[in-house]
Amino acid sequence: MVRDLYVTKNAHTDKTGWVRDVTYELFGDSFLFAKNDNVWKMKRKACAQAFYKEKLVSMAETIKNKTEDRIQKWQKEIYEKGEASIDLTTEFEDLFARLIVTASFGVDVTQEILKINVFDESTGINEVKELTLSASIRLVSK
């Protein structure tokens, strides 16, 4: 059914009305559930390259490897210390950043040091900080 909706019969399936009502809160104006018009065709064509079978297989392998690496890191910490306190929010933010960057660009640059201009709203001061990409993502998401 999903394959019919998005692949084989996509041009004949208009995702408006109740489908849009149900999915809009979660997906907004995403092309996944948008009306089949010229804007939708342009967006779908632009994204199609990222989702061919070989690319998806590569992305799945990246996800598997990065997740296994993270689990091994936790296991090592537990083994060495006998126990571990793991901040899952920070760990998963970092893991997801690594997955997205590596799957998108083919290389993990999340630990590269970047110079980022940070504005502190409480003090009104701009300052340049040296942060990793992962740390800067956490900073922005707060």
C-alpha atoms as a PDB file:
ATOM      1  CA  MET A   1       0.000   0.000   0.000  1.00  0.00           C
ATOM      2  CA  VAL A   2       2.755   2.452   0.934  1.00  0.00           C
ATOM      3  CA  ARG A   3       4.686   1.516  -2.215  1.00  0.00           C
ATOM      4  CA  ASP A   4       1.570   2.180  -4.290  1.00  0.00           C
ATOM      5  CA  LEU A   5       0.973   5.491  -2.538  1.00  0.00           C
ATOM      6  CA  TYR A   6       4.511   6.830  -3.004  1.00  0.00           C
ATOM      7  CA  VAL A   7       6.060   4.935  -5.902  1.00  0.00           C
ATOM      8  CA  THR A   8       4.013   3.016  -8.432  1.00  0.00           C
ATOM      9  CA  LYS A   9       0.758   5.012  -8.323  1.00  0.00           C
ATOM     10  CA  ASN A  10       2.077   8.243  -6.864  1.00  0.00           C
ATOM     11  CA  ALA A  11       1.040  10.439  -9.797  1.00  0.00           C
ATOM     12  CA  HIS A  12      -2.549   9.208  -9.383  1.00  0.00           C
ATOM     13  CA  THR A  13      -2.721   9.627  -5.631  1.00  0.00           C
ATOM     14  CA  ASP A  14      -3.377  13.130  -4.399  1.00  0.00           C
ATOM     15  CA  LYS A  15      -2.453  13.456  -0.763  1.00  0.00           C
ATOM     16  CA  THR A  16      -4.874  16.197   0.240  1.00  0.00           C
ATOM     17  CA  GLY A  17      -8.049  16.286   2.283  1.00  0.00           C
ATOM     18  CA  TRP A  18      -8.074  13.900   5.229  1.00  0.00           C
ATOM     19  CA  VAL A  19      -4.523  12.648   4.552  1.00  0.00           C
ATOM     20  CA  ARG A  20      -3.170  16.199   4.806  1.00  0.00           C
ATOM     21  CA  ASP A  21      -5.265  16.830   7.939  1.00  0.00           C
ATOM     22  CA  VAL A  22      -3.862  13.721   9.617  1.00  0.00           C
ATOM     23  CA  THR A  23      -0.227  14.273   8.636  1.00  0.00           C
ATOM     24  CA  TYR A  24       0.175  18.069   8.639  1.00  0.00           C
ATOM     25  CA  GLU A  25       0.887  18.423  12.358  1.00  0.00           C
ATOM     26  CA  LEU A  26       3.780  15.970  12.125  1.00  0.00           C
ATOM     27  CA  PHE A  27       5.157  16.690   8.641  1.00  0.00           C
ATOM     28  CA  GLY A  28       4.022  20.244   7.868  1.00  0.00           C
ATOM     29  CA  ASP A  29       4.540  21.186   4.221  1.00  0.00           C
ATOM     30  CA  SER A  30       6.817  18.211   3.573  1.00  0.00           C
ATOM     31  CA  PHE A  31       6.628  16.879   0.031  1.00  0.00           C
ATOM     32  CA  LEU A  32       5.796  13.427   1.421  1.00  0.00           C
ATOM     33  CA  PHE A  33       2.161  14.373   1.934  1.00  0.00           C
ATOM     34  CA  ALA A  34       1.870  17.384  -0.364  1.00  0.00           C
ATOM     35  CA  LYS A  35      -0.464  17.838  -3.287  1.00  0.00           C
ATOM     36  CA  ASN A  36       0.904  16.378  -6.534  1.00  0.00           C
ATOM     37  CA  ASP A  37       1.653  19.637  -8.313  1.00  0.00           C
ATOM     38  CA  ASN A  38       4.693  21.165 -10.025  1.00  0.00           C
ATOM     39  CA  VAL A  39       6.242  22.242  -6.702  1.00  0.00           C
ATOM     40  CA  TRP A  40       5.871  18.681  -5.401  1.00  0.00           C
ATOM     41  CA  LYS A  41       7.453  17.262  -8.571  1.00  0.00           C
ATOM     42  CA  MET A  42      10.422  19.608  -8.229  1.00  0.00           C
ATOM     43  CA  LYS A  43      10.960  18.707  -4.549  1.00  0.00           C
ATOM     44  CA  ARG A  44      10.621  14.973  -5.196  1.00  0.00           C
ATOM     45  CA  LYS A  45      13.097  15.124  -8.085  1.00  0.00           C
ATOM     46  CA  ALA A  46      15.614  17.034  -5.923  1.00  0.00           C
ATOM     47  CA  CYS A  47      15.383  14.427  -3.154  1.00  0.00           C
ATOM     48  CA  ALA A  48      15.221  11.320  -5.339  1.00  0.00           C
ATOM     49  CA  GLN A  49      19.018  11.009  -5.677  1.00  0.00           C
ATOM     50  CA  ALA A  50      19.397  10.528  -1.936  1.00  0.00           C
ATOM     51  CA  PHE A  51      17.028   7.583  -1.822  1.00  0.00           C
ATOM     52  CA  TYR A  52      18.052   5.148  -4.528  1.00  0.00           C
ATOM     53  CA  LYS A  53      18.590   1.577  -3.324  1.00  0.00           C
ATOM     54  CA  GLU A  54      22.407   1.575  -3.141  1.00  0.00           C
ATOM     55  CA  LYS A  55      22.394   4.852  -1.192  1.00  0.00           C
ATOM     56  CA  LEU A  56      19.833   3.488   1.259  1.00  0.00           C
ATOM     57  CA  VAL A  57      21.899   0.324   1.753  1.00  0.00           C
ATOM     58  CA  SER A  58      24.943   2.502   2.438  1.00  0.00           C
ATOM     59  CA  MET A  59      22.969   4.662   4.887  1.00  0.00           C
ATOM     60  CA  ALA A  60      21.703   1.563   6.710  1.00  0.00           C
ATOM     61  CA  GLU A  61      25.261   0.263   7.018  1.00  0.00           C
ATOM     62  CA  THR A  62      26.410   3.641   8.385  1.00  0.00           C
ATOM     63  CA  ILE A  63      23.579   3.639  10.926  1.00  0.00           C
ATOM     64  CA  LYS A  64      24.459   0.099  11.993  1.00  0.00           C
ATOM     65  CA  ASN A  65      28.190   0.830  12.329  1.00  0.00           C
ATOM     66  CA  LYS A  66      27.793   4.128  14.206  1.00  0.00           C
ATOM     67  CA  THR A  67      25.234   2.604  16.567  1.00  0.00           C
ATOM     68  CA  GLU A  68      27.455  -0.422  17.231  1.00  0.00           C
ATOM     69  CA  ASP A  69      30.410   1.914  17.912  1.00  0.00           C
ATOM     70  CA  ARG A  70      28.349   3.839  20.453  1.00  0.00           C
ATOM     71  CA  ILE A  71      27.153   0.662  22.192  1.00  0.00           C
ATOM     72  CA  GLN A  72      30.759  -0.595  22.383  1.00  0.00           C
ATOM     73  CA  LYS A  73      31.789   2.743  23.933  1.00  0.00           C
ATOM     74  CA  TRP A  74      29.134   2.337  26.632  1.00  0.00           C
ATOM     75  CA  GLN A  75      30.068  -1.312  27.218  1.00  0.00           C
ATOM     76  CA  LYS A  76      33.753  -0.374  27.585  1.00  0.00           C
ATOM     77  CA  GLU A  77      32.909   2.342  30.094  1.00  0.00           C
ATOM     78  CA  ILE A  78      30.779  -0.086  32.113  1.00  0.00           C
ATOM     79  CA  TYR A  79      33.480  -2.786  31.958  1.00  0.00           C
ATOM     80  CA  GLU A  80      36.278  -0.420  33.037  1.00  0.00           C
ATOM     81  CA  LYS A  81      34.352   1.266  35.858  1.00  0.00           C
ATOM     82  CA  GLY A  82      32.020  -1.561  36.854  1.00  0.00           C
ATOM     83  CA  GLU A  83      29.123   0.804  36.205  1.00  0.00           C
ATOM     84  CA  ALA A  84      28.367   3.909  34.205  1.00  0.00           C
ATOM     85  CA  SER A  85      26.125   6.922  34.342  1.00  0.00           C
ATOM     86  CA  ILE A  86      25.207   7.774  30.761  1.00  0.00           C
ATOM     87  CA  ASP A  87      23.371  10.953  29.765  1.00  0.00           C
ATOM     88  CA  LEU A  88      21.163   9.417  27.083  1.00  0.00           C
ATOM     89  CA  THR A  89      19.928  12.770  25.806  1.00  0.00           C
ATOM     90  CA  THR A  90      23.460  13.951  25.044  1.00  0.00           C
ATOM     91  CA  GLU A  91      24.532  10.550  23.760  1.00  0.00           C
ATOM     92  CA  PHE A  92      21.608  10.250  21.357  1.00  0.00           C
ATOM     93  CA  GLU A  93      21.948  13.856  20.164  1.00  0.00           C
ATOM     94  CA  ASP A  94      25.569  13.112  19.337  1.00  0.00           C
ATOM     95  CA  LEU A  95      24.728   9.758  17.744  1.00  0.00           C
ATOM     96  CA  PHE A  96      21.979  11.275  15.578  1.00  0.00           C
ATOM     97  CA  ALA A  97      24.278  14.127  14.523  1.00  0.00           C
ATOM     98  CA  ARG A  98      26.930  11.582  13.509  1.00  0.00           C
ATOM     99  CA  LEU A  99      24.384   9.489  11.619  1.00  0.00           C
ATOM    100  CA  ILE A 100      22.935  12.428   9.705  1.00  0.00           C
ATOM    101  CA  VAL A 101      26.301  13.962   8.824  1.00  0.00           C
ATOM    102  CA  THR A 102      27.926  10.668   7.845  1.00  0.00           C
ATOM    103  CA  ALA A 103      24.920   9.414   5.857  1.00  0.00           C
ATOM    104  CA  SER A 104      24.595  12.763   4.090  1.00  0.00           C
ATOM    105  CA  PHE A 105      28.215  13.557   3.345  1.00  0.00           C
ATOM    106  CA  GLY A 106      29.975  10.200   3.597  1.00  0.00           C
ATOM    107  CA  VAL A 107      32.325  11.322   6.356  1.00  0.00           C
ATOM    108  CA  ASP A 108      31.935  12.000  10.079  1.00  0.00           C
ATOM    109  CA  VAL A 109      33.018  15.565  10.794  1.00  0.00           C
ATOM    110  CA  THR A 110      31.017  15.959  14.004  1.00  0.00           C
ATOM    111  CA  GLN A 111      34.165  16.157  16.126  1.00  0.00           C
ATOM    112  CA  GLU A 112      35.877  18.779  13.943  1.00  0.00           C
ATOM    113  CA  ILE A 113      36.478  22.029  15.813  1.00  0.00           C
ATOM    114  CA  LEU A 114      34.507  24.950  14.404  1.00  0.00           C
ATOM    115  CA  LYS A 115      34.698  28.630  15.290  1.00  0.00           C
ATOM    116  CA  ILE A 116      31.131  29.722  15.913  1.00  0.00           C
ATOM    117  CA  ASN A 117      29.784  33.157  16.755  1.00  0.00           C
ATOM    118  CA  VAL A 118      27.513  32.644  19.783  1.00  0.00           C
ATOM    119  CA  PHE A 119      25.107  35.294  21.058  1.00  0.00           C
ATOM    120  CA  ASP A 120      24.257  35.052  24.756  1.00  0.00           C
ATOM    121  CA  GLU A 121      20.735  36.471  25.113  1.00  0.00           C
ATOM    122  CA  SER A 122      21.056  36.906  28.869  1.00  0.00           C
ATOM    123  CA  THR A 123      24.144  39.139  28.608  1.00  0.00           C
ATOM    124  CA  GLY A 124      23.679  40.497  25.098  1.00  0.00           C
ATOM    125  CA  ILE A 125      27.270  39.586  24.283  1.00  0.00           C
ATOM    126  CA  ASN A 126      28.546  37.968  21.090  1.00  0.00           C
ATOM    127  CA  GLU A 127      31.580  35.777  21.438  1.00  0.00           C
ATOM    128  CA  VAL A 128      33.442  33.374  19.209  1.00  0.00           C
ATOM    129  CA  LYS A 129      33.604  29.865  20.647  1.00  0.00           C
ATOM    130  CA  GLU A 130      35.490  26.853  19.409  1.00  0.00           C
ATOM    131  CA  LEU A 131      33.062  23.936  19.452  1.00  0.00           C
ATOM    132  CA  THR A 132      32.647  20.595  17.776  1.00  0.00           C
ATOM    133  CA  LEU A 133      29.758  20.262  15.349  1.00  0.00           C
ATOM    134  CA  SER A 134      27.994  17.998  17.865  1.00  0.00           C
ATOM    135  CA  ALA A 135      28.403  20.559  20.652  1.00  0.00           C
ATOM    136  CA  SER A 136      27.171  23.369  18.404  1.00  0.00           C
ATOM    137  CA  ILE A 137      24.075  21.340  17.497  1.00  0.00           C
ATOM    138  CA  ARG A 138      23.354  20.816  21.206  1.00  0.00           C
ATOM    139  CA  LEU A 139      23.854  24.548  21.814  1.00  0.00           C
ATOM    140  CA  VAL A 140      21.412  25.497  19.068  1.00  0.00           C
ATOM    141  CA  SER A 141      18.789  22.969  20.160  1.00  0.00           C
ATOM    142  CA  LYS A 142      18.559  24.395  23.703  1.00  0.00           C
END
